[in-house]
PDB file of N, CA and C in Angstrom:
ATOM      1  N   MET A   1     -57.468 -52.443 -51.474  1.00  0.00           N
ATOM      2  CA  MET A   1     -56.857 -51.702 -52.546  1.00  0.00           C
ATOM      3  C   MET A   1     -57.652 -50.411 -52.759  1.00  0.00           C
ATOM      4  N   ALA A   2     -56.948 -49.279 -52.886  1.00  0.00           N
ATOM      5  CA  ALA A   2     -57.587 -47.992 -53.115  1.00  0.00           C
ATOM      6  C   ALA A   2     -56.916 -47.322 -54.293  1.00  0.00           C
ATOM      7  N   SER A   3     -57.693 -46.590 -55.073  1.00  0.00           N
ATOM      8  CA  SER A   3     -57.101 -45.916 -56.218  1.00  0.00           C
ATOM      9  C   SER A   3     -57.966 -44.755 -56.648  1.00  0.00           C
ATOM     10  N   SER A   4     -57.320 -43.687 -57.128  1.00  0.00           N
ATOM     11  CA  SER A   4     -58.066 -42.561 -57.653  1.00  0.00           C
ATOM     12  C   SER A   4     -58.165 -42.636 -59.175  1.00  0.00           C
ATOM     13  N   TYR A   5     -57.511 -43.585 -59.788  1.00  0.00           N
ATOM     14  CA  TYR A   5     -57.529 -43.772 -61.237  1.00  0.00           C
ATOM     15  C   TYR A   5     -57.891 -45.216 -61.527  1.00  0.00           C
ATOM     16  N   PRO A   6     -58.771 -45.450 -62.508  1.00  0.00           N
ATOM     17  CA  PRO A   6     -59.248 -46.815 -62.751  1.00  0.00           C
ATOM     18  C   PRO A   6     -58.164 -47.813 -63.133  1.00  0.00           C
ATOM     19  N   ASN A   7     -57.082 -47.381 -63.760  1.00  0.00           N
ATOM     20  CA  ASN A   7     -56.034 -48.314 -64.185  1.00  0.00           C
ATOM     21  C   ASN A   7     -54.918 -48.472 -63.163  1.00  0.00           C
ATOM     22  N   GLN A   8     -55.051 -47.821 -62.019  1.00  0.00           N
ATOM     23  CA  GLN A   8     -53.998 -47.886 -61.009  1.00  0.00           C
ATOM     24  C   GLN A   8     -54.241 -49.028 -60.039  1.00  0.00           C
ATOM     25  N   ASP A   9     -53.150 -49.564 -59.571  1.00  0.00           N
ATOM     26  CA  ASP A   9     -53.156 -50.545 -58.501  1.00  0.00           C
ATOM     27  C   ASP A   9     -52.403 -49.924 -57.341  1.00  0.00           C
ATOM     28  N   VAL A  10     -53.026 -49.818 -56.193  1.00  0.00           N
ATOM     29  CA  VAL A  10     -52.349 -49.308 -55.003  1.00  0.00           C
ATOM     30  C   VAL A  10     -52.349 -50.432 -53.987  1.00  0.00           C
ATOM     31  N   LYS A  11     -51.154 -50.884 -53.624  1.00  0.00           N
ATOM     32  CA  LYS A  11     -51.035 -51.990 -52.675  1.00  0.00           C
ATOM     33  C   LYS A  11     -50.201 -51.548 -51.491  1.00  0.00           C
ATOM     34  N   THR A  12     -50.583 -52.011 -50.325  1.00  0.00           N
ATOM     35  CA  THR A  12     -49.821 -51.726 -49.110  1.00  0.00           C
ATOM     36  C   THR A  12     -49.423 -53.045 -48.469  1.00  0.00           C
ATOM     37  N   GLY A  13     -48.381 -52.995 -47.680  1.00  0.00           N
ATOM     38  CA  GLY A  13     -47.950 -54.202 -46.998  1.00  0.00           C
ATOM     39  C   GLY A  13     -46.811 -53.939 -46.046  1.00  0.00           C
ATOM     40  N   ASP A  14     -46.364 -54.980 -45.393  1.00  0.00           N
ATOM     41  CA  ASP A  14     -45.249 -54.940 -44.452  1.00  0.00           C
ATOM     42  C   ASP A  14     -44.372 -56.159 -44.701  1.00  0.00           C
ATOM     43  N   TYR A  15     -43.111 -56.017 -44.393  1.00  0.00           N
ATOM     44  CA  TYR A  15     -42.232 -57.181 -44.343  1.00  0.00           C
ATOM     45  C   TYR A  15     -41.202 -56.960 -43.252  1.00  0.00           C
ATOM     46  N   VAL A  16     -40.625 -58.057 -42.777  1.00  0.00           N
ATOM     47  CA  VAL A  16     -39.673 -58.012 -41.666  1.00  0.00           C
ATOM     48  C   VAL A  16     -38.292 -58.406 -42.178  1.00  0.00           C
ATOM     49  N   HIS A  17     -37.303 -57.532 -41.922  1.00  0.00           N
ATOM     50  CA  HIS A  17     -35.911 -57.831 -42.261  1.00  0.00           C
ATOM     51  C   HIS A  17     -35.378 -58.918 -41.330  1.00  0.00           C
ATOM     52  N   LEU A  18     -34.267 -59.525 -41.716  1.00  0.00           N
ATOM     53  CA  LEU A  18     -33.627 -60.530 -40.869  1.00  0.00           C
ATOM     54  C   LEU A  18     -33.227 -59.954 -39.511  1.00  0.00           C
ATOM     55  N   ASP A  19     -32.927 -58.636 -39.466  1.00  0.00           N
ATOM     56  CA  ASP A  19     -32.543 -58.015 -38.189  1.00  0.00           C
ATOM     57  C   ASP A  19     -33.751 -57.694 -37.301  1.00  0.00           C
ATOM     58  N   GLY A  20     -34.963 -57.994 -37.777  1.00  0.00           N
ATOM     59  CA  GLY A  20     -36.164 -57.780 -36.975  1.00  0.00           C
ATOM     60  C   GLY A  20     -36.877 -56.469 -37.244  1.00  0.00           C
ATOM     61  N   SER A  21     -36.276 -55.579 -38.030  1.00  0.00           N
ATOM     62  CA  SER A  21     -36.940 -54.304 -38.322  1.00  0.00           C
ATOM     63  C   SER A  21     -38.076 -54.527 -39.322  1.00  0.00           C
ATOM     64  N   VAL A  22     -39.143 -53.755 -39.151  1.00  0.00           N
ATOM     65  CA  VAL A  22     -40.330 -53.872 -39.994  1.00  0.00           C
ATOM     66  C   VAL A  22     -40.327 -52.743 -41.017  1.00  0.00           C
ATOM     67  N   VAL A  23     -40.601 -53.072 -42.266  1.00  0.00           N
ATOM     68  CA  VAL A  23     -40.720 -52.074 -43.326  1.00  0.00           C
ATOM     69  C   VAL A  23     -42.143 -52.138 -43.867  1.00  0.00           C
ATOM     70  N   SER A  24     -42.839 -51.012 -43.808  1.00  0.00           N
ATOM     71  CA  SER A  24     -44.172 -50.905 -44.404  1.00  0.00           C
ATOM     72  C   SER A  24     -44.026 -50.172 -45.726  1.00  0.00           C
ATOM     73  N   TYR A  25     -44.861 -50.495 -46.700  1.00  0.00           N
ATOM     74  CA  TYR A  25     -44.718 -49.864 -48.007  1.00  0.00           C
ATOM     75  C   TYR A  25     -46.070 -49.622 -48.663  1.00  0.00           C
ATOM     76  N   VAL A  26     -46.062 -48.684 -49.604  1.00  0.00           N
ATOM     77  CA  VAL A  26     -47.182 -48.438 -50.510  1.00  0.00           C
ATOM     78  C   VAL A  26     -46.610 -48.550 -51.913  1.00  0.00           C
ATOM     79  N   ASN A  27     -47.209 -49.360 -52.744  1.00  0.00           N
ATOM     80  CA  ASN A  27     -46.759 -49.558 -54.119  1.00  0.00           C
ATOM     81  C   ASN A  27     -47.863 -49.059 -55.042  1.00  0.00           C
ATOM     82  N   ILE A  28     -47.556 -48.047 -55.873  1.00  0.00           N
ATOM     83  CA  ILE A  28     -48.531 -47.476 -56.802  1.00  0.00           C
ATOM     84  C   ILE A  28     -48.068 -47.785 -58.220  1.00  0.00           C
ATOM     85  N   THR A  29     -48.902 -48.485 -58.995  1.00  0.00           N
ATOM     86  CA  THR A  29     -48.565 -48.741 -60.394  1.00  0.00           C
ATOM     87  C   THR A  29     -49.236 -47.687 -61.268  1.00  0.00           C
ATOM     88  N   ASP A  30     -48.728 -47.509 -62.469  1.00  0.00           N
ATOM     89  CA  ASP A  30     -49.273 -46.558 -63.439  1.00  0.00           C
ATOM     90  C   ASP A  30     -49.378 -45.161 -62.826  1.00  0.00           C
ATOM     91  N   LEU A  31     -48.264 -44.703 -62.273  1.00  0.00           N
ATOM     92  CA  LEU A  31     -48.192 -43.417 -61.592  1.00  0.00           C
ATOM     93  C   LEU A  31     -48.655 -42.281 -62.493  1.00  0.00           C
ATOM     94  N   ALA A  32     -49.448 -41.370 -61.945  1.00  0.00           N
ATOM     95  CA  ALA A  32     -49.925 -40.187 -62.664  1.00  0.00           C
ATOM     96  C   ALA A  32     -49.291 -38.945 -62.050  1.00  0.00           C
ATOM     97  N   VAL A  33     -49.254 -37.853 -62.807  1.00  0.00           N
ATOM     98  CA  VAL A  33     -48.688 -36.601 -62.306  1.00  0.00           C
ATOM     99  C   VAL A  33     -49.384 -36.179 -61.017  1.00  0.00           C
ATOM    100  N   SER A  34     -50.685 -36.389 -60.945  1.00  0.00           N
ATOM    101  CA  SER A  34     -51.438 -35.985 -59.753  1.00  0.00           C
ATOM    102  C   SER A  34     -51.071 -36.802 -58.517  1.00  0.00           C
ATOM    103  N   ASP A  35     -50.333 -37.900 -58.682  1.00  0.00           N
ATOM    104  CA  ASP A  35     -49.875 -38.682 -57.531  1.00  0.00           C
ATOM    105  C   ASP A  35     -48.691 -38.026 -56.835  1.00  0.00           C
ATOM    106  N   GLY A  36     -48.061 -37.055 -57.484  1.00  0.00           N
ATOM    107  CA  GLY A  36     -46.945 -36.349 -56.857  1.00  0.00           C
ATOM    108  C   GLY A  36     -47.424 -35.566 -55.650  1.00  0.00           C
ATOM    109  N   GLY A  37     -46.541 -35.358 -54.705  1.00  0.00           N
ATOM    110  CA  GLY A  37     -46.898 -34.594 -53.516  1.00  0.00           C
ATOM    111  C   GLY A  37     -46.156 -35.095 -52.298  1.00  0.00           C
ATOM    112  N   LEU A  38     -46.597 -34.639 -51.151  1.00  0.00           N
ATOM    113  CA  LEU A  38     -45.960 -34.993 -49.890  1.00  0.00           C
ATOM    114  C   LEU A  38     -46.595 -36.262 -49.332  1.00  0.00           C
ATOM    115  N   TYR A  39     -45.776 -37.262 -49.083  1.00  0.00           N
ATOM    116  CA  TYR A  39     -46.232 -38.522 -48.498  1.00  0.00           C
ATOM    117  C   TYR A  39     -45.633 -38.644 -47.107  1.00  0.00           C
ATOM    118  N   GLY A  40     -46.391 -39.172 -46.188  1.00  0.00           N
ATOM    119  CA  GLY A  40     -45.907 -39.301 -44.822  1.00  0.00           C
ATOM    120  C   GLY A  40     -46.073 -40.711 -44.296  1.00  0.00           C
ATOM    121  N   CYS A  41     -45.251 -41.028 -43.321  1.00  0.00           N
ATOM    122  CA  CYS A  41     -45.286 -42.326 -42.662  1.00  0.00           C
ATOM    123  C   CYS A  41     -45.302 -42.061 -41.157  1.00  0.00           C
ATOM    124  N   GLU A  42     -46.160 -42.760 -40.450  1.00  0.00           N
ATOM    125  CA  GLU A  42     -46.238 -42.572 -39.000  1.00  0.00           C
ATOM    126  C   GLU A  42     -46.268 -43.935 -38.326  1.00  0.00           C
ATOM    127  N   ALA A  43     -45.511 -44.075 -37.264  1.00  0.00           N
ATOM    128  CA  ALA A  43     -45.502 -45.312 -36.474  1.00  0.00           C
ATOM    129  C   ALA A  43     -45.900 -44.962 -35.044  1.00  0.00           C
ATOM    130  N   ARG A  44     -46.778 -45.774 -34.454  1.00  0.00           N
ATOM    131  CA  ARG A  44     -47.260 -45.521 -33.089  1.00  0.00           C
ATOM    132  C   ARG A  44     -47.224 -46.800 -32.265  1.00  0.00           C
ATOM    133  N   ASN A  45     -47.004 -46.612 -30.991  1.00  0.00           N
ATOM    134  CA  ASN A  45     -47.216 -47.684 -30.021  1.00  0.00           C
ATOM    135  C   ASN A  45     -47.522 -47.037 -28.676  1.00  0.00           C
ATOM    136  N   ASP A  46     -47.557 -47.821 -27.615  1.00  0.00           N
ATOM    137  CA  ASP A  46     -47.897 -47.289 -26.293  1.00  0.00           C
ATOM    138  C   ASP A  46     -46.866 -46.297 -25.770  1.00  0.00           C
ATOM    139  N   VAL A  47     -45.660 -46.320 -26.297  1.00  0.00           N
ATOM    140  CA  VAL A  47     -44.577 -45.469 -25.808  1.00  0.00           C
ATOM    141  C   VAL A  47     -44.532 -44.121 -26.531  1.00  0.00           C
ATOM    142  N   GLY A  48     -45.025 -44.064 -27.756  1.00  0.00           N
ATOM    143  CA  GLY A  48     -44.976 -42.795 -28.473  1.00  0.00           C
ATOM    144  C   GLY A  48     -45.315 -42.917 -29.943  1.00  0.00           C
ATOM    145  N   THR A  49     -45.073 -41.818 -30.643  1.00  0.00           N
ATOM    146  CA  THR A  49     -45.358 -41.712 -32.068  1.00  0.00           C
ATOM    147  C   THR A  49     -44.189 -41.031 -32.760  1.00  0.00           C
ATOM    148  N   VAL A  50     -43.807 -41.535 -33.913  1.00  0.00           N
ATOM    149  CA  VAL A  50     -42.790 -40.883 -34.744  1.00  0.00           C
ATOM    150  C   VAL A  50     -43.327 -40.805 -36.168  1.00  0.00           C
ATOM    151  N   SER A  51     -42.850 -39.797 -36.899  1.00  0.00           N
ATOM    152  CA  SER A  51     -43.296 -39.664 -38.279  1.00  0.00           C
ATOM    153  C   SER A  51     -42.183 -39.077 -39.133  1.00  0.00           C
ATOM    154  N   HIS A  52     -42.319 -39.272 -40.417  1.00  0.00           N
ATOM    155  CA  HIS A  52     -41.383 -38.720 -41.394  1.00  0.00           C
ATOM    156  C   HIS A  52     -42.165 -38.521 -42.683  1.00  0.00           C
ATOM    157  N   SER A  53     -41.788 -37.510 -43.445  1.00  0.00           N
ATOM    158  CA  SER A  53     -42.445 -37.295 -44.730  1.00  0.00           C
ATOM    159  C   SER A  53     -41.412 -36.952 -45.788  1.00  0.00           C
ATOM    160  N   ALA A  54     -41.772 -37.205 -47.020  1.00  0.00           N
ATOM    161  CA  ALA A  54     -40.906 -36.901 -48.154  1.00  0.00           C
ATOM    162  C   ALA A  54     -41.783 -36.566 -49.350  1.00  0.00           C
ATOM    163  N   ARG A  55     -41.278 -35.708 -50.194  1.00  0.00           N
ATOM    164  CA  ARG A  55     -42.006 -35.300 -51.387  1.00  0.00           C
ATOM    165  C   ARG A  55     -41.627 -36.218 -52.548  1.00  0.00           C
ATOM    166  N   ILE A  56     -42.630 -36.644 -53.287  1.00  0.00           N
ATOM    167  CA  ILE A  56     -42.406 -37.404 -54.508  1.00  0.00           C
ATOM    168  C   ILE A  56     -42.771 -36.498 -55.679  1.00  0.00           C
ATOM    169  N   ASP A  57     -41.797 -36.212 -56.535  1.00  0.00           N
ATOM    170  CA  ASP A  57     -42.022 -35.408 -57.729  1.00  0.00           C
ATOM    171  C   ASP A  57     -42.175 -36.339 -58.919  1.00  0.00           C
ATOM    172  N   VAL A  58     -43.281 -36.199 -59.638  1.00  0.00           N
ATOM    173  CA  VAL A  58     -43.550 -37.022 -60.813  1.00  0.00           C
ATOM    174  C   VAL A  58     -43.366 -36.138 -62.045  1.00  0.00           C
ATOM    175  N   PHE A  59     -42.424 -36.497 -62.914  1.00  0.00           N
ATOM    176  CA  PHE A  59     -42.196 -35.728 -64.129  1.00  0.00           C
ATOM    177  C   PHE A  59     -43.457 -35.749 -64.981  1.00  0.00           C
ATOM    178  N   GLY A  60     -43.870 -34.566 -65.445  1.00  0.00           N
ATOM    179  CA  GLY A  60     -45.045 -34.466 -66.293  1.00  0.00           C
ATOM    180  C   GLY A  60     -45.572 -33.050 -66.309  1.00  0.00           C
ATOM    181  N   PRO A  61     -46.664 -32.821 -67.029  1.00  0.00           N
ATOM    182  CA  PRO A  61     -47.220 -31.474 -67.125  1.00  0.00           C
ATOM    183  C   PRO A  61     -47.779 -31.015 -65.778  1.00  0.00           C
ATOM    184  N   PRO A  62     -47.851 -29.695 -65.579  1.00  0.00           N
ATOM    185  CA  PRO A  62     -48.378 -29.179 -64.310  1.00  0.00           C
ATOM    186  C   PRO A  62     -49.811 -29.639 -64.063  1.00  0.00           C
ATOM    187  N   PHE A  63     -50.120 -29.839 -62.805  1.00  0.00           N
ATOM    188  CA  PHE A  63     -51.457 -30.243 -62.368  1.00  0.00           C
ATOM    189  C   PHE A  63     -51.739 -29.509 -61.066  1.00  0.00           C
ATOM    190  N   ILE A  64     -52.897 -28.873 -60.958  1.00  0.00           N
ATOM    191  CA  ILE A  64     -53.270 -28.169 -59.725  1.00  0.00           C
ATOM    192  C   ILE A  64     -54.437 -28.900 -59.090  1.00  0.00           C
ATOM    193  N   ARG A  65     -54.256 -29.288 -57.844  1.00  0.00           N
ATOM    194  CA  ARG A  65     -55.345 -29.913 -57.103  1.00  0.00           C
ATOM    195  C   ARG A  65     -56.350 -28.826 -56.729  1.00  0.00           C
ATOM    196  N   PRO A  66     -57.620 -29.161 -56.600  1.00  0.00           N
ATOM    197  CA  PRO A  66     -58.621 -28.147 -56.258  1.00  0.00           C
ATOM    198  C   PRO A  66     -58.293 -27.451 -54.936  1.00  0.00           C
ATOM    199  N   MET A  67     -58.501 -26.143 -54.931  1.00  0.00           N
ATOM    200  CA  MET A  67     -58.319 -25.352 -53.711  1.00  0.00           C
ATOM    201  C   MET A  67     -59.695 -25.178 -53.081  1.00  0.00           C
ATOM    202  N   GLY A  68     -59.795 -25.421 -51.798  1.00  0.00           N
ATOM    203  CA  GLY A  68     -61.067 -25.251 -51.109  1.00  0.00           C
ATOM    204  C   GLY A  68     -61.346 -23.788 -50.792  1.00  0.00           C
ATOM    205  N   ASN A  69     -62.611 -23.449 -50.631  1.00  0.00           N
ATOM    206  CA  ASN A  69     -62.981 -22.102 -50.213  1.00  0.00           C
ATOM    207  C   ASN A  69     -62.533 -21.872 -48.779  1.00  0.00           C
ATOM    208  N   LEU A  70     -62.199 -20.638 -48.453  1.00  0.00           N
ATOM    209  CA  LEU A  70     -61.769 -20.277 -47.106  1.00  0.00           C
ATOM    210  C   LEU A  70     -62.685 -19.198 -46.557  1.00  0.00           C
ATOM    211  N   THR A  71     -63.021 -19.294 -45.294  1.00  0.00           N
ATOM    212  CA  THR A  71     -63.739 -18.242 -44.586  1.00  0.00           C
ATOM    213  C   THR A  71     -62.879 -17.866 -43.398  1.00  0.00           C
ATOM    214  N   VAL A  72     -62.500 -16.593 -43.324  1.00  0.00           N
ATOM    215  CA  VAL A  72     -61.599 -16.141 -42.269  1.00  0.00           C
ATOM    216  C   VAL A  72     -62.148 -14.879 -41.620  1.00  0.00           C
ATOM    217  N   VAL A  73     -61.620 -14.557 -40.465  1.00  0.00           N
ATOM    218  CA  VAL A  73     -62.030 -13.373 -39.715  1.00  0.00           C
ATOM    219  C   VAL A  73     -61.092 -12.225 -40.062  1.00  0.00           C
ATOM    220  N   ALA A  74     -61.649 -11.043 -40.327  1.00  0.00           N
ATOM    221  CA  ALA A  74     -60.839  -9.860 -40.635  1.00  0.00           C
ATOM    222  C   ALA A  74     -59.860  -9.597 -39.499  1.00  0.00           C
ATOM    223  N   GLY A  75     -58.644  -9.206 -39.862  1.00  0.00           N
ATOM    224  CA  GLY A  75     -57.618  -8.910 -38.868  1.00  0.00           C
ATOM    225  C   GLY A  75     -56.760 -10.103 -38.494  1.00  0.00           C
ATOM    226  N   THR A  76     -57.112 -11.291 -39.003  1.00  0.00           N
ATOM    227  CA  THR A  76     -56.304 -12.480 -38.716  1.00  0.00           C
ATOM    228  C   THR A  76     -55.408 -12.779 -39.917  1.00  0.00           C
ATOM    229  N   THR A  77     -54.571 -13.777 -39.793  1.00  0.00           N
ATOM    230  CA  THR A  77     -53.676 -14.194 -40.870  1.00  0.00           C
ATOM    231  C   THR A  77     -54.261 -15.417 -41.557  1.00  0.00           C
ATOM    232  N   VAL A  78     -54.123 -15.475 -42.866  1.00  0.00           N
ATOM    233  CA  VAL A  78     -54.595 -16.633 -43.618  1.00  0.00           C
ATOM    234  C   VAL A  78     -53.440 -17.185 -44.457  1.00  0.00           C
ATOM    235  N   THR A  79     -53.390 -18.491 -44.581  1.00  0.00           N
ATOM    236  CA  THR A  79     -52.436 -19.149 -45.465  1.00  0.00           C
ATOM    237  C   THR A  79     -53.223 -19.789 -46.595  1.00  0.00           C
ATOM    238  N   ILE A  80     -52.909 -19.398 -47.814  1.00  0.00           N
ATOM    239  CA  ILE A  80     -53.568 -19.966 -48.990  1.00  0.00           C
ATOM    240  C   ILE A  80     -52.628 -20.999 -49.586  1.00  0.00           C
ATOM    241  N   ARG A  81     -53.067 -22.229 -49.630  1.00  0.00           N
ATOM    242  CA  ARG A  81     -52.236 -23.299 -50.170  1.00  0.00           C
ATOM    243  C   ARG A  81     -52.620 -23.545 -51.624  1.00  0.00           C
ATOM    244  N   CYS A  82     -51.613 -23.679 -52.452  1.00  0.00           N
ATOM    245  CA  CYS A  82     -51.811 -23.967 -53.869  1.00  0.00           C
ATOM    246  C   CYS A  82     -51.139 -25.309 -54.160  1.00  0.00           C
ATOM    247  N   PRO A  83     -51.873 -26.408 -53.990  1.00  0.00           N
ATOM    248  CA  PRO A  83     -51.269 -27.735 -54.142  1.00  0.00           C
ATOM    249  C   PRO A  83     -51.054 -28.101 -55.611  1.00  0.00           C
ATOM    250  N   VAL A  84     -49.805 -28.056 -56.039  1.00  0.00           N
ATOM    251  CA  VAL A  84     -49.467 -28.364 -57.425  1.00  0.00           C
ATOM    252  C   VAL A  84     -48.638 -29.640 -57.491  1.00  0.00           C
ATOM    253  N   SER A  85     -48.702 -30.292 -58.625  1.00  0.00           N
ATOM    254  CA  SER A  85     -47.816 -31.416 -58.890  1.00  0.00           C
ATOM    255  C   SER A  85     -47.413 -31.346 -60.352  1.00  0.00           C
ATOM    256  N   GLY A  86     -46.606 -32.281 -60.777  1.00  0.00           N
ATOM    257  CA  GLY A  86     -45.943 -32.200 -62.066  1.00  0.00           C
ATOM    258  C   GLY A  86     -44.519 -31.772 -61.769  1.00  0.00           C
ATOM    259  N   TYR A  87     -43.607 -32.152 -62.591  1.00  0.00           N
ATOM    260  CA  TYR A  87     -42.218 -31.822 -62.288  1.00  0.00           C
ATOM    261  C   TYR A  87     -41.450 -31.684 -63.583  1.00  0.00           C
ATOM    262  N   PRO A  88     -40.618 -30.705 -63.723  1.00  0.00           N
ATOM    263  CA  PRO A  88     -40.398 -29.625 -62.750  1.00  0.00           C
ATOM    264  C   PRO A  88     -41.433 -28.507 -62.911  1.00  0.00           C
ATOM    265  N   ILE A  89     -41.709 -27.815 -61.840  1.00  0.00           N
ATOM    266  CA  ILE A  89     -42.582 -26.634 -61.851  1.00  0.00           C
ATOM    267  C   ILE A  89     -41.671 -25.419 -61.758  1.00  0.00           C
ATOM    268  N   ASP A  90     -41.707 -24.555 -62.754  1.00  0.00           N
ATOM    269  CA  ASP A  90     -40.847 -23.373 -62.752  1.00  0.00           C
ATOM    270  C   ASP A  90     -41.401 -22.257 -61.872  1.00  0.00           C
ATOM    271  N   ARG A  91     -42.705 -22.027 -61.960  1.00  0.00           N
ATOM    272  CA  ARG A  91     -43.323 -20.942 -61.192  1.00  0.00           C
ATOM    273  C   ARG A  91     -44.747 -21.319 -60.830  1.00  0.00           C
ATOM    274  N   THR A  92     -45.198 -20.804 -59.709  1.00  0.00           N
ATOM    275  CA  THR A  92     -46.579 -20.970 -59.274  1.00  0.00           C
ATOM    276  C   THR A  92     -47.120 -19.589 -58.936  1.00  0.00           C
ATOM    277  N   TYR A  93     -48.321 -19.289 -59.426  1.00  0.00           N
ATOM    278  CA  TYR A  93     -48.945 -17.992 -59.174  1.00  0.00           C
ATOM    279  C   TYR A  93     -50.289 -18.186 -58.497  1.00  0.00           C
ATOM    280  N   VAL A  94     -50.633 -17.272 -57.620  1.00  0.00           N
ATOM    281  CA  VAL A  94     -51.989 -17.156 -57.094  1.00  0.00           C
ATOM    282  C   VAL A  94     -52.466 -15.787 -57.540  1.00  0.00           C
ATOM    283  N   GLU A  95     -53.672 -15.724 -58.095  1.00  0.00           N
ATOM    284  CA  GLU A  95     -54.165 -14.466 -58.646  1.00  0.00           C
ATOM    285  C   GLU A  95     -55.442 -14.045 -57.940  1.00  0.00           C
ATOM    286  N   LYS A  96     -55.550 -12.749 -57.676  1.00  0.00           N
ATOM    287  CA  LYS A  96     -56.780 -12.166 -57.149  1.00  0.00           C
ATOM    288  C   LYS A  96     -56.973 -10.822 -57.820  1.00  0.00           C
ATOM    289  N   SER A  97     -58.046 -10.663 -58.553  1.00  0.00           N
ATOM    290  CA  SER A  97     -58.375  -9.398 -59.214  1.00  0.00           C
ATOM    291  C   SER A  97     -57.195  -8.833 -59.994  1.00  0.00           C
ATOM    292  N   LYS A  98     -56.614  -9.655 -60.833  1.00  0.00           N
ATOM    293  CA  LYS A  98     -55.508  -9.258 -61.720  1.00  0.00           C
ATOM    294  C   LYS A  98     -54.210  -8.933 -60.987  1.00  0.00           C
ATOM    295  N   CYS A  99     -54.099  -9.280 -59.722  1.00  0.00           N
ATOM    296  CA  CYS A  99     -52.866  -9.069 -58.962  1.00  0.00           C
ATOM    297  C   CYS A  99     -52.239 -10.443 -58.728  1.00  0.00           C
ATOM    298  N   ASP A 100     -51.030 -10.645 -59.247  1.00  0.00           N
ATOM    299  CA  ASP A 100     -50.354 -11.938 -59.120  1.00  0.00           C
ATOM    300  C   ASP A 100     -49.451 -11.971 -57.896  1.00  0.00           C
ATOM    301  N   PHE A 101     -49.460 -13.097 -57.218  1.00  0.00           N
ATOM    302  CA  PHE A 101     -48.521 -13.374 -56.138  1.00  0.00           C
ATOM    303  C   PHE A 101     -47.700 -14.563 -56.606  1.00  0.00           C
ATOM    304  N   MET A 102     -46.408 -14.394 -56.749  1.00  0.00           N
ATOM    305  CA  MET A 102     -45.578 -15.480 -57.266  1.00  0.00           C
ATOM    306  C   MET A 102     -44.892 -16.211 -56.124  1.00  0.00           C
ATOM    307  N   PHE A 103     -44.921 -17.533 -56.183  1.00  0.00           N
ATOM    308  CA  PHE A 103     -44.177 -18.365 -55.249  1.00  0.00           C
ATOM    309  C   PHE A 103     -42.891 -18.773 -55.932  1.00  0.00           C
ATOM    310  N   THR A 104     -41.822 -18.897 -55.177  1.00  0.00           N
ATOM    311  CA  THR A 104     -40.565 -19.332 -55.782  1.00  0.00           C
ATOM    312  C   THR A 104     -40.329 -20.789 -55.503  1.00  0.00           C
TER     313      THR A 104
END
């Protein structure tokens, strides 16, 4: 069991349908706004790998996950990620020296 909040229970497991298909799951109790985000599932075997992801939006006040420092080389391109959760989010801004960049 893993959790980022003391009152949360995070459980994982698998079950098999009558048709033989396997379903894996993650069950999170006492969901928090910060639990919102992109979740992914990946299946692998000797023949290959497949994956799928979906976003879970948790209704609540905005929450911004910490942004890490970036070191880049001049003349290259950089992508600045602003990981937010809470739903709905109307606008997201990144600011540098009083200059706002708005994401839609």
